[in-house]
N, C-alpha and C. Protein backbone atom coordinates (compact mmCIF):
# COMPACT_ATOMS: atom_id res chain seq x y z
N MET A 1 9.73 20.73 69.73
CA MET A 1 9.30 21.52 68.47
C MET A 1 8.32 20.57 67.69
N THR A 2 7.42 21.52 67.08
CA THR A 2 6.27 20.67 66.52
C THR A 2 6.21 21.30 64.83
N LEU A 3 7.19 21.96 64.34
CA LEU A 3 7.30 22.04 62.96
C LEU A 3 8.52 21.42 62.67
N TYR A 4 8.52 20.87 61.24
CA TYR A 4 9.44 19.82 61.00
C TYR A 4 10.01 20.13 59.62
N HIS A 5 11.30 19.96 59.39
CA HIS A 5 11.89 19.92 57.95
C HIS A 5 11.37 18.65 57.31
N TYR A 6 11.04 18.60 56.01
CA TYR A 6 10.45 17.42 55.27
C TYR A 6 11.49 17.16 54.23
N PRO A 7 11.83 16.05 53.87
CA PRO A 7 12.64 15.63 52.80
C PRO A 7 12.27 16.13 51.63
N PRO A 8 12.81 16.66 50.47
CA PRO A 8 12.41 17.07 49.21
C PRO A 8 11.42 15.94 48.47
N GLN A 9 11.97 14.81 48.62
CA GLN A 9 10.98 13.56 48.10
C GLN A 9 9.53 13.57 48.53
N THR A 10 9.20 14.13 49.59
CA THR A 10 7.89 14.03 50.12
C THR A 10 6.84 15.01 49.74
N ALA A 11 7.59 16.04 49.13
CA ALA A 11 6.76 17.16 48.69
C ALA A 11 5.69 16.98 47.63
N LEU A 12 4.54 17.31 47.78
CA LEU A 12 3.42 17.31 46.59
C LEU A 12 3.03 18.63 46.11
N LYS A 13 2.54 19.43 47.05
CA LYS A 13 2.03 20.74 46.69
C LYS A 13 0.94 20.62 45.83
N ARG A 14 -0.18 19.88 46.09
CA ARG A 14 -1.31 19.85 45.34
C ARG A 14 -2.55 20.53 46.19
N VAL A 15 -3.21 21.46 45.45
CA VAL A 15 -4.25 22.23 46.04
C VAL A 15 -5.52 21.10 46.17
N ILE A 16 -6.11 20.98 47.27
CA ILE A 16 -7.38 20.32 47.59
C ILE A 16 -8.45 21.15 47.52
N PRO A 17 -9.56 20.86 46.50
CA PRO A 17 -10.77 21.72 46.54
C PRO A 17 -11.55 21.49 47.55
N LYS A 18 -12.11 22.64 48.05
CA LYS A 18 -12.99 22.57 49.22
C LYS A 18 -14.09 21.51 49.21
N THR A 19 -14.41 21.31 47.80
CA THR A 19 -15.69 20.48 47.59
C THR A 19 -15.56 19.00 48.20
N ARG A 20 -14.16 18.75 47.82
CA ARG A 20 -13.75 17.24 48.18
C ARG A 20 -13.91 16.93 49.79
N ILE A 21 -13.49 18.23 50.39
CA ILE A 21 -13.58 18.08 52.11
C ILE A 21 -15.26 18.14 52.23
N TYR A 22 -15.89 18.72 51.83
CA TYR A 22 -17.48 18.94 51.90
C TYR A 22 -18.05 17.52 51.64
N ASP A 23 -17.71 16.79 50.65
CA ASP A 23 -18.27 15.40 50.36
C ASP A 23 -17.80 14.33 51.30
N GLY A 24 -16.27 14.59 51.34
CA GLY A 24 -15.68 13.48 52.27
C GLY A 24 -16.21 13.59 53.80
N ALA A 25 -16.46 14.95 54.20
CA ALA A 25 -16.73 14.92 55.63
C ALA A 25 -18.38 15.10 55.85
N GLY A 26 -19.07 15.05 54.91
CA GLY A 26 -20.61 15.21 54.96
C GLY A 26 -20.80 16.59 55.61
N ALA A 27 -20.19 17.57 55.25
CA ALA A 27 -20.39 18.89 55.79
C ALA A 27 -21.81 19.41 55.72
N SER A 28 -22.18 20.13 56.84
CA SER A 28 -23.37 20.68 56.94
C SER A 28 -23.49 22.12 56.21
N THR A 29 -24.40 22.81 55.97
CA THR A 29 -24.52 23.94 55.49
C THR A 29 -23.56 24.95 56.19
N ALA A 30 -23.75 24.89 57.57
CA ALA A 30 -23.19 25.90 58.40
C ALA A 30 -21.39 25.79 58.39
N LEU A 31 -21.05 24.48 58.28
CA LEU A 31 -19.71 24.08 58.13
C LEU A 31 -19.16 24.53 56.80
N ARG A 32 -19.90 24.40 55.69
CA ARG A 32 -19.53 25.05 54.43
C ARG A 32 -19.25 26.42 54.49
N GLU A 33 -20.24 27.09 55.19
CA GLU A 33 -20.07 28.54 55.36
C GLU A 33 -18.81 28.93 56.22
N ARG A 34 -18.53 28.10 57.25
CA ARG A 34 -17.25 28.44 57.85
C ARG A 34 -16.07 28.29 57.23
N PHE A 35 -15.96 27.30 56.29
CA PHE A 35 -14.80 26.93 55.33
C PHE A 35 -14.74 28.33 54.40
N THR A 36 -16.05 28.83 54.06
CA THR A 36 -15.85 30.01 52.94
C THR A 36 -15.35 31.19 53.65
N ARG A 37 -15.80 31.41 54.95
CA ARG A 37 -15.42 32.46 55.62
C ARG A 37 -13.84 32.38 56.03
N GLU A 38 -13.43 31.19 56.38
CA GLU A 38 -12.18 31.15 57.19
C GLU A 38 -11.08 30.77 56.32
N VAL A 39 -11.23 29.87 55.24
CA VAL A 39 -10.34 29.16 54.53
C VAL A 39 -9.97 29.65 53.24
N ASP A 40 -8.67 30.21 52.82
CA ASP A 40 -8.37 30.53 51.53
C ASP A 40 -7.88 29.40 50.69
N GLN A 41 -7.15 28.73 51.32
CA GLN A 41 -6.55 27.31 50.44
C GLN A 41 -6.16 26.29 51.32
N ILE A 42 -6.44 25.04 50.84
CA ILE A 42 -5.97 23.86 51.39
C ILE A 42 -5.15 23.08 50.50
N LEU A 43 -3.71 22.99 51.04
CA LEU A 43 -2.83 22.41 50.21
C LEU A 43 -2.40 21.12 50.79
N TRP A 44 -2.11 20.06 50.16
CA TRP A 44 -1.73 18.80 50.29
C TRP A 44 0.01 18.94 50.13
N ALA A 45 0.62 19.19 51.16
CA ALA A 45 1.88 19.70 50.90
C ALA A 45 3.06 18.56 51.06
N HIS A 46 2.68 17.49 51.78
CA HIS A 46 3.70 16.53 51.80
C HIS A 46 3.02 15.05 52.10
N LYS A 47 3.66 14.22 51.45
CA LYS A 47 3.23 12.75 51.73
C LYS A 47 4.42 11.94 52.32
N LEU A 48 4.21 11.63 53.81
CA LEU A 48 5.24 10.79 54.45
C LEU A 48 4.69 9.28 54.36
N ALA A 49 5.42 8.79 53.67
CA ALA A 49 5.10 7.21 53.29
C ALA A 49 6.14 6.17 53.27
N PRO A 50 5.98 4.91 53.01
CA PRO A 50 7.12 4.18 52.93
C PRO A 50 8.12 4.45 51.73
N GLU A 51 7.11 4.87 50.55
CA GLU A 51 7.95 4.99 49.24
C GLU A 51 8.66 6.50 49.33
N THR A 52 8.37 7.34 50.14
CA THR A 52 9.14 8.66 50.31
C THR A 52 10.09 8.76 51.31
N LEU A 53 9.99 7.83 52.41
CA LEU A 53 10.85 7.89 53.64
C LEU A 53 11.65 6.80 53.83
N ASN A 54 11.17 5.65 53.28
CA ASN A 54 11.90 4.46 53.14
C ASN A 54 11.72 3.73 54.71
N LEU A 55 10.46 4.09 55.11
CA LEU A 55 9.82 3.43 56.52
C LEU A 55 8.98 2.46 56.40
N PRO A 56 8.99 1.37 56.96
CA PRO A 56 7.90 0.42 56.63
C PRO A 56 6.55 1.13 57.21
N ALA A 57 5.22 0.71 56.55
CA ALA A 57 3.95 1.12 57.09
C ALA A 57 3.63 0.40 58.22
N THR A 58 2.59 0.66 59.02
CA THR A 58 1.79 -0.17 60.01
C THR A 58 0.51 -0.01 59.57
N LYS A 59 -0.19 -0.98 60.27
CA LYS A 59 -1.66 -1.12 60.16
C LYS A 59 -2.25 0.36 60.69
N ALA A 60 -1.79 0.64 61.78
CA ALA A 60 -2.37 2.05 62.33
C ALA A 60 -1.98 3.27 61.64
N VAL A 61 -0.83 3.26 61.02
CA VAL A 61 -0.33 4.52 60.37
C VAL A 61 0.20 4.07 58.93
N PRO A 62 -0.36 3.87 58.03
CA PRO A 62 0.12 3.51 56.70
C PRO A 62 0.99 4.71 56.01
N GLU A 63 0.39 6.03 56.23
CA GLU A 63 1.00 7.07 55.77
C GLU A 63 0.71 8.19 56.62
N ILE A 64 1.39 9.41 56.68
CA ILE A 64 0.93 10.57 57.28
C ILE A 64 1.05 11.83 56.19
N GLN A 65 -0.07 12.34 56.14
CA GLN A 65 -0.30 13.70 55.30
C GLN A 65 -0.01 14.92 55.96
N VAL A 66 0.83 15.88 55.23
CA VAL A 66 0.91 17.24 55.92
C VAL A 66 0.17 18.04 55.17
N ILE A 67 -0.73 18.84 55.63
CA ILE A 67 -1.63 19.71 55.09
C ILE A 67 -1.44 21.14 55.53
N HIS A 68 -1.23 22.02 54.27
CA HIS A 68 -0.89 23.51 54.76
C HIS A 68 -2.34 24.28 54.69
N LEU A 69 -2.67 25.13 55.60
CA LEU A 69 -3.99 25.83 55.49
C LEU A 69 -3.48 27.42 55.35
N THR A 70 -4.15 27.94 54.42
CA THR A 70 -4.09 29.43 54.41
C THR A 70 -5.46 30.11 54.85
N PRO A 71 -5.29 30.72 55.94
CA PRO A 71 -6.68 31.19 56.45
C PRO A 71 -6.88 32.61 55.75
N LYS A 72 -8.17 33.06 55.72
CA LYS A 72 -8.69 34.34 55.34
C LYS A 72 -8.26 35.33 56.16
N GLY A 73 -8.64 34.91 57.59
CA GLY A 73 -8.51 35.97 58.61
C GLY A 73 -7.26 35.42 59.74
N ASP A 74 -7.55 35.65 60.84
CA ASP A 74 -6.38 35.31 61.81
C ASP A 74 -6.40 33.99 62.52
N SER A 75 -7.63 33.26 62.28
CA SER A 75 -7.51 31.77 62.89
C SER A 75 -8.76 31.11 61.85
N ILE A 76 -8.27 29.62 62.17
CA ILE A 76 -9.24 28.62 61.58
C ILE A 76 -9.86 27.80 62.80
N HIS A 77 -11.21 27.53 62.88
CA HIS A 77 -11.78 27.00 63.96
C HIS A 77 -11.39 25.38 63.88
N ASP A 78 -11.46 24.86 65.00
CA ASP A 78 -11.27 23.42 65.16
C ASP A 78 -12.20 22.51 64.39
N ASP A 79 -13.34 22.96 64.02
CA ASP A 79 -14.47 22.32 63.31
C ASP A 79 -13.86 22.20 61.82
N VAL A 80 -13.18 23.09 61.31
CA VAL A 80 -12.64 23.06 59.96
C VAL A 80 -11.58 21.83 60.04
N LEU A 81 -10.69 21.83 61.13
CA LEU A 81 -9.59 20.80 61.23
C LEU A 81 -10.19 19.65 61.24
N ARG A 82 -11.31 19.38 62.07
CA ARG A 82 -12.01 18.07 62.24
C ARG A 82 -12.69 17.56 60.84
N ALA A 83 -13.16 18.35 60.14
CA ALA A 83 -13.70 18.10 58.85
C ALA A 83 -12.77 17.48 57.85
N ILE A 84 -11.66 18.16 57.70
CA ILE A 84 -10.62 17.71 56.73
C ILE A 84 -10.03 16.39 57.24
N ASP A 85 -9.95 16.16 58.79
CA ASP A 85 -9.54 14.87 59.07
C ASP A 85 -10.61 13.58 58.81
N ARG A 86 -11.78 14.22 58.90
CA ARG A 86 -12.94 13.21 58.50
C ARG A 86 -12.79 12.79 57.09
N ALA A 87 -12.38 13.69 56.27
CA ALA A 87 -12.42 13.49 54.72
C ALA A 87 -11.24 12.86 54.17
N ILE A 88 -10.16 12.82 54.94
CA ILE A 88 -8.90 12.30 54.36
C ILE A 88 -8.55 11.07 55.39
N PRO A 89 -8.47 9.77 54.92
CA PRO A 89 -8.50 8.66 55.64
C PRO A 89 -6.93 8.26 56.08
N PHE A 90 -6.14 9.27 56.32
CA PHE A 90 -4.86 9.04 56.95
C PHE A 90 -4.58 9.98 58.18
N PRO A 91 -3.59 9.82 58.97
CA PRO A 91 -3.40 10.51 60.10
C PRO A 91 -2.73 11.76 59.32
N LEU A 92 -3.12 13.08 60.03
CA LEU A 92 -2.73 14.40 59.42
C LEU A 92 -1.94 15.11 60.24
N ILE A 93 -1.09 15.98 59.72
CA ILE A 93 -0.35 17.08 60.54
C ILE A 93 -0.81 18.25 59.79
N PHE A 94 -1.21 19.39 60.46
CA PHE A 94 -1.48 20.62 59.78
C PHE A 94 -0.51 21.84 60.13
N GLU A 95 -0.26 22.68 59.06
CA GLU A 95 0.40 23.67 59.47
C GLU A 95 -0.51 24.97 58.89
N ILE A 96 -0.68 25.68 59.73
CA ILE A 96 -1.56 27.05 59.33
C ILE A 96 -0.83 28.29 59.33
N TYR A 97 -0.68 28.86 58.20
CA TYR A 97 0.13 29.94 57.77
C TYR A 97 -0.36 31.27 58.05
N HIS A 98 0.38 31.92 58.97
CA HIS A 98 -0.07 33.35 59.26
C HIS A 98 1.16 34.08 58.93
N GLY A 99 1.19 34.67 57.50
CA GLY A 99 2.59 35.46 57.04
C GLY A 99 3.62 34.55 57.23
N ALA A 100 4.58 35.05 57.90
CA ALA A 100 5.94 34.29 58.05
C ALA A 100 5.84 33.25 59.20
N GLN A 101 4.99 33.34 59.93
CA GLN A 101 4.78 32.49 61.16
C GLN A 101 3.83 31.44 60.70
N VAL A 102 4.02 30.05 61.40
CA VAL A 102 3.19 28.86 61.28
C VAL A 102 2.83 28.25 62.47
N GLU A 103 1.43 27.87 62.44
CA GLU A 103 0.76 27.37 63.56
C GLU A 103 0.51 26.02 63.39
N PRO A 104 1.33 24.99 64.17
CA PRO A 104 1.21 23.66 63.84
C PRO A 104 -0.17 23.10 64.71
N ALA A 105 -0.83 22.13 64.13
CA ALA A 105 -1.88 21.50 64.68
C ALA A 105 -1.99 20.00 64.26
N ALA A 106 -2.55 19.32 65.25
CA ALA A 106 -2.77 17.88 64.65
C ALA A 106 -3.81 17.23 65.75
N ALA A 107 -4.67 16.26 65.27
CA ALA A 107 -5.44 15.44 66.20
C ALA A 107 -5.12 13.99 66.01
N TYR A 108 -4.88 13.43 67.17
CA TYR A 108 -4.52 12.02 67.36
C TYR A 108 -5.63 11.21 66.58
N LYS A 109 -5.24 10.17 65.53
CA LYS A 109 -6.23 9.66 64.84
C LYS A 109 -5.67 8.13 64.72
N ARG A 110 -6.79 7.18 64.92
CA ARG A 110 -6.34 5.74 64.79
C ARG A 110 -7.44 4.79 64.10
N PRO A 111 -7.19 3.84 63.43
CA PRO A 111 -8.41 3.08 62.77
C PRO A 111 -9.31 2.75 64.03
N SER A 112 -10.66 2.66 63.62
CA SER A 112 -11.62 2.32 64.56
C SER A 112 -11.53 0.64 64.76
N GLY A 113 -11.58 0.27 65.92
CA GLY A 113 -11.53 -1.21 66.12
C GLY A 113 -12.80 -1.92 65.96
N ALA A 114 -14.00 -1.03 65.84
CA ALA A 114 -15.41 -1.51 65.71
C ALA A 114 -15.90 -1.54 64.36
N GLU A 115 -15.26 -0.58 63.32
CA GLU A 115 -16.01 -0.43 62.03
C GLU A 115 -14.74 -0.28 61.08
N ALA A 116 -14.60 -1.15 60.18
CA ALA A 116 -13.59 -1.31 59.12
C ALA A 116 -13.67 -0.06 58.37
N GLY A 117 -12.51 0.60 58.00
CA GLY A 117 -12.37 1.91 57.29
C GLY A 117 -12.72 3.21 57.84
N LYS A 118 -13.03 3.09 59.12
CA LYS A 118 -13.38 4.24 59.89
C LYS A 118 -12.20 4.63 60.81
N TRP A 119 -12.15 5.75 61.21
CA TRP A 119 -11.15 6.51 61.98
C TRP A 119 -11.69 7.01 63.28
N VAL A 120 -11.09 6.94 64.46
CA VAL A 120 -11.28 7.63 65.59
C VAL A 120 -10.33 8.76 65.69
N ILE A 121 -10.89 9.81 65.70
CA ILE A 121 -10.26 11.20 65.69
C ILE A 121 -10.29 11.87 67.15
N HIS A 122 -9.45 12.44 67.67
CA HIS A 122 -9.36 12.98 68.93
C HIS A 122 -9.51 14.54 68.76
N ASP A 123 -9.79 15.29 69.69
CA ASP A 123 -9.87 16.76 69.44
C ASP A 123 -8.41 17.34 68.91
N PRO A 124 -8.54 18.43 68.18
CA PRO A 124 -7.12 18.96 67.58
C PRO A 124 -6.29 19.67 68.75
N LEU A 125 -5.12 19.47 68.52
CA LEU A 125 -4.26 20.13 69.47
C LEU A 125 -3.25 21.02 68.64
N ARG A 126 -3.30 22.22 69.54
CA ARG A 126 -2.41 23.19 68.57
C ARG A 126 -1.23 23.56 69.33
N ALA A 127 -0.01 24.14 68.79
CA ALA A 127 1.16 24.58 69.37
C ALA A 127 1.23 26.14 68.98
N PRO A 128 2.18 26.79 69.82
CA PRO A 128 2.22 28.19 69.29
C PRO A 128 2.90 28.41 67.90
N ARG A 129 2.41 29.64 67.40
CA ARG A 129 3.16 29.92 66.09
C ARG A 129 4.63 30.03 66.03
N THR A 130 5.25 29.64 65.15
CA THR A 130 6.66 29.71 65.04
C THR A 130 7.13 29.68 63.77
N THR A 131 8.59 30.13 63.50
CA THR A 131 9.17 29.81 62.30
C THR A 131 10.46 28.90 62.38
N SER A 132 10.44 28.33 63.50
CA SER A 132 11.62 27.34 63.63
C SER A 132 11.30 25.91 63.21
N ARG A 133 12.09 25.20 62.52
CA ARG A 133 11.68 23.84 62.21
C ARG A 133 12.87 22.78 62.60
N ALA A 134 12.46 21.46 62.88
CA ALA A 134 13.43 20.73 63.47
C ALA A 134 13.54 19.41 62.56
N PRO A 135 14.36 18.77 62.57
CA PRO A 135 14.29 17.46 61.78
C PRO A 135 13.30 16.58 62.07
N LEU A 136 12.87 15.48 61.45
CA LEU A 136 11.74 14.55 61.62
C LEU A 136 12.41 13.55 62.53
N PRO A 137 11.53 13.28 63.85
CA PRO A 137 12.06 12.35 64.79
C PRO A 137 12.45 10.98 64.07
N VAL A 138 13.44 10.68 64.60
CA VAL A 138 13.98 9.16 64.24
C VAL A 138 12.99 8.24 64.69
N ALA A 139 12.82 7.24 63.56
CA ALA A 139 11.70 6.42 63.89
C ALA A 139 12.12 5.00 62.92
N VAL A 140 11.56 3.89 63.68
CA VAL A 140 11.78 2.60 62.80
C VAL A 140 10.63 2.22 62.09
N ASN A 141 9.40 2.86 61.87
CA ASN A 141 8.36 2.72 61.17
C ASN A 141 7.26 3.97 61.11
N MET A 142 6.35 3.81 60.46
CA MET A 142 5.42 5.05 60.22
C MET A 142 4.74 5.34 61.72
N ARG A 143 4.33 4.18 62.41
CA ARG A 143 3.54 4.56 63.63
C ARG A 143 4.64 5.24 64.48
N ALA A 144 5.67 4.92 64.71
CA ALA A 144 6.69 5.42 65.60
C ALA A 144 6.99 7.00 65.08
N LEU A 145 6.89 7.19 63.81
CA LEU A 145 7.41 8.52 63.33
C LEU A 145 6.11 9.36 63.74
N TYR A 146 4.82 8.95 63.55
CA TYR A 146 3.70 9.68 63.89
C TYR A 146 3.66 9.90 65.37
N ASP A 147 3.96 8.83 66.16
CA ASP A 147 3.90 9.11 67.53
C ASP A 147 4.96 10.18 68.00
N GLY A 148 6.13 10.16 67.35
CA GLY A 148 7.19 11.24 67.62
C GLY A 148 6.87 12.40 67.21
N MET A 149 6.12 12.71 66.14
CA MET A 149 5.54 13.86 65.73
C MET A 149 4.50 14.50 66.50
N LEU A 150 3.61 13.57 67.16
CA LEU A 150 2.67 14.23 67.98
C LEU A 150 3.03 14.53 69.22
N ALA A 151 4.07 13.81 69.72
CA ALA A 151 4.60 14.02 71.10
C ALA A 151 4.71 15.42 71.59
N PRO A 152 5.19 16.34 70.92
CA PRO A 152 5.19 17.69 71.31
C PRO A 152 4.06 18.50 71.47
N PHE A 153 3.00 17.99 70.97
CA PHE A 153 1.66 18.72 71.03
C PHE A 153 1.05 18.21 72.26
N ILE A 154 1.47 17.35 72.78
CA ILE A 154 0.64 16.91 74.32
C ILE A 154 1.19 17.66 75.34
N PRO A 155 0.33 18.14 76.07
CA PRO A 155 0.84 19.20 77.19
C PRO A 155 1.15 18.45 78.65
N VAL A 156 1.59 17.27 78.54
CA VAL A 156 1.97 16.46 79.84
C VAL A 156 3.42 15.74 79.44
N THR A 157 4.20 15.54 80.37
CA THR A 157 5.23 14.86 80.00
C THR A 157 5.14 13.43 80.09
N ALA A 158 5.72 12.64 79.08
CA ALA A 158 5.42 11.21 78.87
C ALA A 158 6.18 10.54 80.10
N GLN A 159 5.38 9.54 80.60
CA GLN A 159 5.95 8.52 81.64
C GLN A 159 6.33 7.23 81.02
N ALA A 160 7.13 6.48 81.63
CA ALA A 160 7.71 5.32 81.00
C ALA A 160 6.72 4.41 80.64
N GLY A 161 6.87 3.98 79.57
CA GLY A 161 5.63 2.94 78.81
C GLY A 161 4.41 3.57 78.55
N GLU A 162 4.18 4.72 78.61
CA GLU A 162 3.04 5.46 78.28
C GLU A 162 2.89 5.98 76.88
N ASP A 163 1.92 5.35 76.05
CA ASP A 163 1.85 5.56 74.66
C ASP A 163 1.14 6.91 74.54
N VAL A 164 0.96 7.17 73.07
CA VAL A 164 0.20 8.41 72.94
C VAL A 164 -1.15 8.49 73.39
N GLU A 165 -1.97 7.52 73.08
CA GLU A 165 -3.35 7.54 73.57
C GLU A 165 -3.52 7.67 75.18
N THR A 166 -2.73 7.03 75.82
CA THR A 166 -2.71 7.00 77.38
C THR A 166 -2.52 8.43 77.75
N ARG A 167 -1.57 8.91 77.16
CA ARG A 167 -1.02 10.36 77.57
C ARG A 167 -2.00 11.26 77.19
N LEU A 168 -2.58 11.20 76.13
CA LEU A 168 -3.67 12.26 75.75
C LEU A 168 -4.89 11.98 76.72
N ALA A 169 -5.22 10.67 77.11
CA ALA A 169 -6.32 10.56 78.03
C ALA A 169 -5.86 11.29 79.45
N ARG A 170 -4.82 11.14 79.75
CA ARG A 170 -4.32 11.80 80.93
C ARG A 170 -4.37 13.35 80.88
N ALA A 171 -3.90 13.76 79.88
CA ALA A 171 -4.04 15.28 79.62
C ALA A 171 -5.66 15.71 79.75
N ALA A 172 -6.58 15.10 79.11
CA ALA A 172 -7.79 15.19 79.06
C ALA A 172 -8.24 15.28 80.75
N ALA A 173 -7.87 14.36 81.52
CA ALA A 173 -8.09 14.25 82.86
C ALA A 173 -7.77 15.14 83.73
N ILE A 174 -6.59 15.79 83.38
CA ILE A 174 -5.87 16.71 83.97
C ILE A 174 -6.76 18.05 83.70
N ARG A 175 -7.30 18.37 82.63
CA ARG A 175 -7.90 19.59 82.18
C ARG A 175 -9.34 19.42 82.94
N ALA A 176 -9.87 18.21 82.93
CA ALA A 176 -11.18 18.11 83.73
C ALA A 176 -10.97 18.33 85.22
N LYS A 177 -9.93 17.89 85.74
CA LYS A 177 -9.55 18.12 87.25
C LYS A 177 -9.42 19.62 87.48
N GLU A 178 -8.72 20.16 86.56
CA GLU A 178 -8.41 21.65 86.81
C GLU A 178 -9.82 22.49 86.77
N LYS A 179 -10.72 22.06 86.08
CA LYS A 179 -11.97 22.67 86.01
C LYS A 179 -12.75 22.53 87.25
N GLU A 180 -12.65 21.14 87.80
CA GLU A 180 -13.34 20.79 89.19
C GLU A 180 -12.77 21.52 90.20
N ILE A 181 -11.47 21.58 90.27
CA ILE A 181 -10.76 22.48 91.25
C ILE A 181 -11.19 24.06 91.07
N ASN A 182 -11.41 24.49 90.10
CA ASN A 182 -11.55 25.98 89.93
C ASN A 182 -13.23 26.16 90.46
N ALA A 183 -14.04 25.04 90.08
CA ALA A 183 -15.35 25.18 90.57
C ALA A 183 -15.44 25.17 91.84
N LEU A 184 -14.73 24.20 92.54
CA LEU A 184 -14.76 24.11 94.11
C LEU A 184 -14.12 25.45 94.76
N GLN A 185 -13.23 26.01 94.42
CA GLN A 185 -12.57 27.21 94.75
C GLN A 185 -13.68 28.33 94.78
N THR A 186 -14.37 28.50 93.66
CA THR A 186 -15.36 29.45 93.61
C THR A 186 -16.50 29.40 94.33
N LYS A 187 -16.91 27.94 94.61
CA LYS A 187 -17.85 27.73 95.60
C LYS A 187 -17.55 28.05 96.93
N MET A 188 -16.37 27.78 97.37
CA MET A 188 -15.89 28.08 98.76
C MET A 188 -15.95 29.52 98.87
N GLN A 189 -15.36 30.32 98.11
CA GLN A 189 -15.45 31.68 98.27
C GLN A 189 -16.87 32.47 98.45
N ARG A 190 -17.79 31.78 97.96
CA ARG A 190 -19.28 32.25 97.91
C ARG A 190 -19.96 31.69 99.10
N GLU A 191 -19.47 30.53 99.55
CA GLU A 191 -20.21 29.94 100.70
C GLU A 191 -20.15 30.46 102.16
N THR A 192 -21.12 30.84 102.81
CA THR A 192 -21.01 31.25 104.15
C THR A 192 -21.13 30.53 105.33
N GLN A 193 -21.90 29.48 105.18
CA GLN A 193 -22.11 28.32 106.03
C GLN A 193 -20.87 27.37 106.38
N PHE A 194 -20.54 27.31 107.61
CA PHE A 194 -19.30 26.83 107.97
C PHE A 194 -19.35 25.31 107.70
N ASN A 195 -20.37 24.58 108.09
CA ASN A 195 -20.23 23.21 107.80
C ASN A 195 -20.22 22.82 106.13
N ILE A 196 -20.95 23.37 105.38
CA ILE A 196 -20.72 23.32 103.89
C ILE A 196 -19.39 23.77 103.20
N LYS A 197 -18.86 24.89 104.03
CA LYS A 197 -17.57 25.24 103.70
C LYS A 197 -16.52 24.00 103.99
N LEU A 198 -16.70 23.50 105.10
CA LEU A 198 -15.69 22.54 105.61
C LEU A 198 -15.70 21.22 104.57
N THR A 199 -17.08 20.95 104.12
CA THR A 199 -17.24 19.73 103.21
C THR A 199 -16.67 20.09 101.81
N LEU A 200 -16.74 21.41 101.49
CA LEU A 200 -16.06 21.70 100.18
C LEU A 200 -14.58 21.75 100.37
N HIS A 201 -13.96 21.89 101.47
CA HIS A 201 -12.71 22.14 101.72
C HIS A 201 -12.15 20.66 101.53
N GLY A 202 -12.81 19.63 102.19
CA GLY A 202 -12.28 18.39 101.75
C GLY A 202 -12.39 17.90 100.48
N GLN A 203 -13.41 18.33 99.87
CA GLN A 203 -13.57 17.94 98.23
C GLN A 203 -12.43 18.58 97.51
N LEU A 204 -12.04 19.90 97.91
CA LEU A 204 -11.15 20.49 97.14
C LEU A 204 -9.61 19.71 97.54
N ALA A 205 -9.47 19.42 98.69
CA ALA A 205 -8.31 18.78 99.00
C ALA A 205 -8.14 17.51 98.29
N LYS A 206 -9.20 16.70 98.03
CA LYS A 206 -9.12 15.51 97.59
C LYS A 206 -8.77 15.69 95.98
N ALA A 207 -9.57 16.89 95.40
CA ALA A 207 -9.39 16.88 93.89
C ALA A 207 -8.01 17.44 93.38
N GLN A 208 -7.21 18.34 94.53
CA GLN A 208 -5.83 18.69 94.37
C GLN A 208 -5.05 17.48 94.46
N ALA A 209 -5.13 16.42 95.34
CA ALA A 209 -4.55 15.40 95.60
C ALA A 209 -4.55 14.49 94.19
N GLU A 210 -5.93 14.43 93.49
CA GLU A 210 -5.92 13.41 92.56
C GLU A 210 -5.07 14.46 91.05
N PHE A 211 -5.28 15.67 91.10
CA PHE A 211 -4.65 16.60 90.06
C PHE A 211 -3.10 16.34 90.15
N GLU A 212 -2.55 16.17 91.47
CA GLU A 212 -1.08 16.13 91.35
C GLU A 212 -0.66 14.62 91.03
N TYR A 213 -1.62 13.71 91.28
CA TYR A 213 -1.18 12.21 90.97
C TYR A 213 -1.22 12.09 89.46
N LEU A 214 -2.40 12.70 88.81
CA LEU A 214 -2.31 12.75 87.40
C LEU A 214 -1.18 13.38 86.67
N LYS A 215 -0.80 14.62 87.21
CA LYS A 215 0.40 15.28 86.74
C LYS A 215 1.63 14.61 86.94
N ASN A 216 1.71 13.63 87.66
CA ASN A 216 2.85 12.92 88.11
C ASN A 216 2.80 11.55 87.43
N GLY A 217 1.88 11.29 86.57
CA GLY A 217 1.50 10.13 85.91
C GLY A 217 1.12 8.97 86.46
N GLY A 218 0.35 9.26 87.49
CA GLY A 218 0.00 8.07 88.37
C GLY A 218 0.95 7.48 89.50
N ALA A 219 1.91 8.27 89.61
CA ALA A 219 3.12 7.74 90.70
C ALA A 219 3.06 8.78 91.87
N GLY A 220 3.41 8.35 92.96
CA GLY A 220 3.59 9.21 94.17
C GLY A 220 2.28 9.03 94.94
């Protein structure tokens, strides 16, 4: 489940002006135009923090902000989510409202180890639209809460001892390997020379074995 029930004390319901996002993200003219086309309202809906949840902060996750987005049309581009993430210096959880249904989204975000005050932001992950909500994950601190909230977004099963960043990297490697397999299969179908086809077959078998290895979390 990627939609959560939030305790009443976390509610804020403050509208965020688009200009604040433009300034914070250094938005280009094209990105500003995308905001104008796609976004009706940005709402700072909930603040998940030590003072609202009674969970200790961590250096990586001092707070988590829940942002509600109301689109003008049927979708909001990833570039819009990235811009909001760049503008707000905390981990974010997005809820994109499509009438009664809500599309959850989030991008894993961590403080930069190279530059103080900067964040490293991964590509946004989205979950299917839904109306169902679940309680917040049980956690001992804000970092554990963030990891628990992000876990359902990641399209691979967690392995023992695998943290969120490692799991995201494995999911990306799996996607890359799927593309490689599809490309090799297409080449094989088009190739007419036996010796080249044989070479491609070997490459395909190797790629498929690597794909299964990644899916199994590096085991087997």
